[in-house]
Amino acid sequence: MNSGSAQATVSLVSLFFMGGVFMWPLLAFSVAAVALSLERAAYLLYHSLRLDDLAKATLAYLKADDAAVAAAYLQPLAKRRIGARILLVLVRRANLSERRLEKAVEAEALSCISRLENGCGFLTAIGSLAPLTGFLGTVSGMIGAFKSISEAAEVSAQIVADGIYEALITTEFGLIIAIVALTAHSLVTHAIDRFAAETEKTCSELIAEIAVRNEAGAANAGRSATAKAI
């Protein structure tokens, strides 16, 4: 078992050095892609994107005209849950007009989503640069292979095969790195897009509820003022 593992390690190291100088930037890309993927996964798991339970509880508090209680409920959750941060802004500014409230919630949501997307641009860049770097290494290797062929007194299939074999190593590694980076990017952006859509829907429902409550409160205040005047 250990012998097989050692042989695999030696084989991988041998392939790395056979790939030439372009394997070094590919190594950097691979480390960056794995590190960014794990960091984004850990961040999304730590900052839960679940919103349905928060929306249900907040709506219940708002229907009971308990915005202060809703804020007290959301405050401790805002440290870890992105949705709680957005809803906390909403309930704390429930006294604003509907348009101003929408602007405040939108600004907070954009800020939170921007933090969720940190590193996604680098994953996209790695997904584009890695195969190009691999292809550049392949072209460089092919140039060396044809140079060896031109200098050889007798051209054999082994000379051609060995040169092409070494040249294609960088392309393979570049494509593998690109697949990892772009897969991680797709999964992360899908989770963020789904959260953004759910947040927009939830906030629209809560703002509508707040607007109805504010209008009812204003109407009651107007009737009370009229009654006192009479």
Protein backbone atom coordinates (compact mmCIF):
# COMPACT_ATOMS: atom_id res chain seq x y z
CA MET A 1 0.00 0.00 0.00
CA ASN A 2 2.75 2.43 0.99
CA SER A 3 4.83 1.31 -1.99
CA GLY A 4 2.00 2.13 -4.40
CA SER A 5 1.52 5.53 -2.80
CA ALA A 6 5.21 6.29 -3.05
CA GLN A 7 5.24 5.31 -6.72
CA ALA A 8 2.28 7.58 -7.41
CA THR A 9 4.05 10.46 -5.65
CA VAL A 10 7.24 9.92 -7.59
CA SER A 11 5.25 9.70 -10.81
CA LEU A 12 3.47 12.99 -10.11
CA VAL A 13 6.73 14.72 -9.24
CA SER A 14 8.32 13.33 -12.39
CA LEU A 15 5.44 14.61 -14.51
CA PHE A 16 5.77 18.02 -12.88
CA PHE A 17 9.44 18.36 -13.78
CA MET A 18 8.88 16.90 -17.24
CA GLY A 19 6.39 19.67 -17.92
CA GLY A 20 9.11 22.29 -17.78
CA VAL A 21 9.19 25.83 -16.48
CA PHE A 22 5.49 26.49 -17.17
CA MET A 23 4.54 23.98 -14.48
CA TRP A 24 5.55 26.49 -11.81
CA PRO A 25 2.86 29.07 -12.62
CA LEU A 26 0.42 26.18 -12.98
CA LEU A 27 1.39 25.03 -9.50
CA ALA A 28 0.68 28.52 -8.18
CA PHE A 29 -2.69 28.54 -9.96
CA SER A 30 -3.60 25.15 -8.50
CA VAL A 31 -2.75 26.20 -4.94
CA ALA A 32 -4.69 29.45 -5.37
CA ALA A 33 -7.72 27.68 -6.86
CA VAL A 34 -7.91 25.11 -4.08
CA ALA A 35 -7.32 27.72 -1.36
CA LEU A 36 -9.97 30.10 -2.72
CA SER A 37 -12.48 27.27 -3.20
CA LEU A 38 -12.05 26.04 0.36
CA GLU A 39 -12.14 29.58 1.77
CA ARG A 40 -15.39 30.43 -0.05
CA ALA A 41 -16.95 27.12 0.96
CA ALA A 42 -16.02 27.69 4.61
CA TYR A 43 -17.30 31.28 4.48
CA LEU A 44 -20.65 30.28 3.02
CA LEU A 45 -21.06 27.45 5.51
CA TYR A 46 -20.17 29.68 8.46
CA HIS A 47 -22.42 32.53 7.31
CA SER A 48 -25.60 30.58 6.74
CA LEU A 49 -27.60 31.71 3.70
CA ARG A 50 -30.85 30.23 4.97
CA LEU A 51 -33.55 32.90 5.12
CA ASP A 52 -36.97 31.24 5.45
CA ASP A 53 -36.93 30.90 9.25
CA LEU A 54 -35.75 34.49 9.71
CA ALA A 55 -38.42 35.82 7.35
CA LYS A 56 -41.20 33.88 9.09
CA ALA A 57 -40.23 35.09 12.56
CA THR A 58 -39.69 38.69 11.44
CA LEU A 59 -43.05 38.80 9.65
CA ALA A 60 -44.79 37.51 12.78
CA TYR A 61 -43.19 40.26 14.88
CA LEU A 62 -44.09 42.95 12.35
CA LYS A 63 -47.71 41.82 12.20
CA ALA A 64 -47.80 42.17 15.98
CA ASP A 65 -46.30 45.69 15.68
CA ASP A 66 -43.19 44.53 17.56
CA ALA A 67 -40.38 45.93 15.41
CA ALA A 68 -38.20 46.39 18.49
CA VAL A 69 -38.64 42.73 19.44
CA ALA A 70 -37.85 41.73 15.85
CA ALA A 71 -34.62 43.75 16.04
CA ALA A 72 -33.72 42.08 19.35
CA TYR A 73 -34.33 38.68 17.75
CA LEU A 74 -32.18 39.44 14.70
CA GLN A 75 -29.32 41.24 16.46
CA PRO A 76 -27.47 38.19 17.88
CA LEU A 77 -28.03 36.23 14.66
CA ALA A 78 -26.50 38.99 12.50
CA LYS A 79 -22.98 38.01 13.55
CA ARG A 80 -23.12 34.79 11.53
CA ARG A 81 -26.15 34.98 9.27
CA ILE A 82 -26.11 37.29 6.26
CA GLY A 83 -29.89 37.34 5.99
CA ALA A 84 -30.23 38.55 9.58
CA ARG A 85 -28.02 41.56 8.82
CA ILE A 86 -30.25 42.60 5.94
CA LEU A 87 -33.51 42.08 7.84
CA LEU A 88 -32.08 43.92 10.84
CA VAL A 89 -31.65 47.05 8.72
CA LEU A 90 -35.21 46.61 7.50
CA VAL A 91 -36.84 46.42 10.95
CA ARG A 92 -34.66 49.16 12.44
CA ARG A 93 -35.74 51.57 9.72
CA ALA A 94 -39.35 50.50 9.54
CA ASN A 95 -40.44 54.09 10.24
CA LEU A 96 -39.04 55.33 6.91
CA SER A 97 -41.12 55.79 3.80
CA GLU A 98 -41.46 52.75 1.56
CA ARG A 99 -39.06 54.10 -1.07
CA ARG A 100 -36.38 55.12 1.45
CA LEU A 101 -36.72 51.78 3.20
CA GLU A 102 -36.23 49.93 -0.08
CA LYS A 103 -33.07 51.96 -0.77
CA ALA A 104 -31.64 51.25 2.70
CA VAL A 105 -32.30 47.50 2.44
CA GLU A 106 -30.95 47.39 -1.12
CA ALA A 107 -27.70 49.08 -0.05
CA GLU A 108 -27.19 46.60 2.80
CA ALA A 109 -28.03 43.63 0.58
CA LEU A 110 -25.55 44.75 -2.08
CA SER A 111 -22.86 45.17 0.57
CA CYS A 112 -23.47 41.68 1.95
CA ILE A 113 -23.58 40.04 -1.47
CA SER A 114 -20.36 41.82 -2.43
CA ARG A 115 -18.65 40.21 0.58
CA LEU A 116 -20.06 36.82 -0.42
CA GLU A 117 -18.56 37.23 -3.90
CA ASN A 118 -15.04 38.01 -2.67
CA GLY A 119 -12.58 35.76 -4.49
CA CYS A 120 -14.99 34.70 -7.23
CA GLY A 121 -13.26 36.98 -9.72
CA PHE A 122 -9.93 35.30 -8.98
CA LEU A 123 -11.47 31.87 -9.60
CA THR A 124 -12.70 33.07 -12.98
CA ALA A 125 -9.27 34.48 -13.81
CA ILE A 126 -7.57 31.22 -12.82
CA GLY A 127 -10.06 29.27 -14.91
CA SER A 128 -9.09 31.37 -17.93
CA LEU A 129 -5.34 31.67 -17.36
CA ALA A 130 -4.55 28.07 -16.37
CA PRO A 131 -5.44 26.43 -19.73
CA LEU A 132 -3.75 29.27 -21.63
CA THR A 133 -0.60 28.80 -19.57
CA GLY A 134 -0.80 25.05 -20.15
CA PHE A 135 -1.20 25.56 -23.89
CA LEU A 136 1.75 27.97 -23.90
CA GLY A 137 3.83 25.30 -22.18
CA THR A 138 2.71 22.78 -24.79
CA VAL A 139 3.70 25.09 -27.65
CA SER A 140 7.07 25.68 -26.00
CA GLY A 141 7.55 21.93 -25.57
CA MET A 142 6.57 21.23 -29.16
CA ILE A 143 9.12 23.76 -30.35
CA GLY A 144 11.77 21.92 -28.35
CA ALA A 145 10.58 18.57 -29.68
CA PHE A 146 10.77 19.66 -33.31
CA LYS A 147 14.17 21.20 -32.65
CA SER A 148 15.37 17.83 -31.36
CA ILE A 149 13.92 16.15 -34.44
CA SER A 150 15.68 18.58 -36.75
CA GLU A 151 19.00 17.99 -35.00
CA ALA A 152 18.66 14.19 -34.91
CA ALA A 153 20.60 12.22 -37.48
CA GLU A 154 17.83 9.63 -37.62
CA VAL A 155 14.24 10.45 -36.77
CA SER A 156 12.45 7.72 -34.84
CA ALA A 157 8.91 7.42 -33.57
CA GLN A 158 10.23 7.41 -30.00
CA ILE A 159 11.81 10.86 -30.38
CA VAL A 160 8.55 12.30 -31.72
CA ALA A 161 6.38 10.53 -29.12
CA ASP A 162 8.57 11.53 -26.17
CA GLY A 163 8.61 15.18 -27.22
CA ILE A 164 4.86 15.37 -27.70
CA TYR A 165 4.24 13.44 -24.47
CA GLU A 166 6.24 15.94 -22.43
CA ALA A 167 4.73 18.92 -24.23
CA LEU A 168 1.11 17.89 -23.53
CA ILE A 169 1.63 17.57 -19.77
CA THR A 170 1.16 21.31 -19.18
CA THR A 171 -2.08 21.35 -21.17
CA GLU A 172 -3.48 18.51 -19.08
CA PHE A 173 -2.58 20.20 -15.81
CA GLY A 174 -3.93 23.53 -17.05
CA LEU A 175 -7.27 22.00 -17.99
CA ILE A 176 -7.59 20.17 -14.66
CA ILE A 177 -6.93 23.40 -12.76
CA ALA A 178 -9.44 25.29 -14.92
CA ILE A 179 -12.12 22.65 -14.29
CA VAL A 180 -11.61 22.87 -10.52
CA ALA A 181 -11.64 26.68 -10.49
CA LEU A 182 -14.67 27.09 -12.76
CA THR A 183 -16.64 24.36 -10.97
CA ALA A 184 -16.04 26.06 -7.62
CA HIS A 185 -16.98 29.43 -9.13
CA SER A 186 -20.22 28.03 -10.56
CA LEU A 187 -21.26 26.44 -7.27
CA VAL A 188 -20.49 29.58 -5.25
CA THR A 189 -22.23 31.97 -7.65
CA HIS A 190 -25.26 29.68 -7.86
CA ALA A 191 -25.63 29.72 -4.08
CA ILE A 192 -25.22 33.51 -4.00
CA ASP A 193 -27.69 34.10 -6.84
CA ARG A 194 -30.28 31.91 -5.13
CA PHE A 195 -29.77 33.80 -1.86
CA ALA A 196 -30.06 37.16 -3.65
CA ALA A 197 -33.34 36.14 -5.31
CA GLU A 198 -34.76 34.85 -2.03
CA THR A 199 -33.65 38.01 -0.21
CA GLU A 200 -35.31 40.25 -2.79
CA LYS A 201 -38.59 38.36 -2.52
CA THR A 202 -38.54 38.28 1.29
CA CYS A 203 -37.69 41.96 1.65
CA SER A 204 -40.41 42.95 -0.81
CA GLU A 205 -43.01 41.04 1.24
CA LEU A 206 -41.81 42.53 4.53
CA ILE A 207 -41.64 46.08 3.15
CA ALA A 208 -45.20 45.71 1.85
CA GLU A 209 -46.31 44.60 5.31
CA ILE A 210 -44.51 47.53 6.92
CA ALA A 211 -46.07 49.96 4.41
CA VAL A 212 -49.56 48.68 5.24
CA ARG A 213 -48.87 49.05 8.98
CA ASN A 214 -47.46 52.55 8.55
CA GLU A 215 -50.44 53.64 6.44
CA ALA A 216 -52.85 52.23 9.00
CA GLY A 217 -50.97 53.99 11.79
CA ALA A 218 -51.00 57.28 9.92
CA ALA A 219 -54.73 56.95 9.24
CA ASN A 220 -55.45 56.23 12.91
CA ALA A 221 -53.32 59.20 13.96
CA GLY A 222 -55.20 61.42 11.50
CA ARG A 223 -58.59 60.29 12.82
CA SER A 224 -57.44 60.88 16.39
CA ALA A 225 -56.24 64.37 15.54
CA THR A 226 -59.55 65.15 13.82
CA ALA A 227 -61.54 63.85 16.77
CA LYS A 228 -59.56 66.02 19.19
CA ALA A 229 -60.04 69.06 16.97
CA ILE A 230 -63.79 68.50 16.93
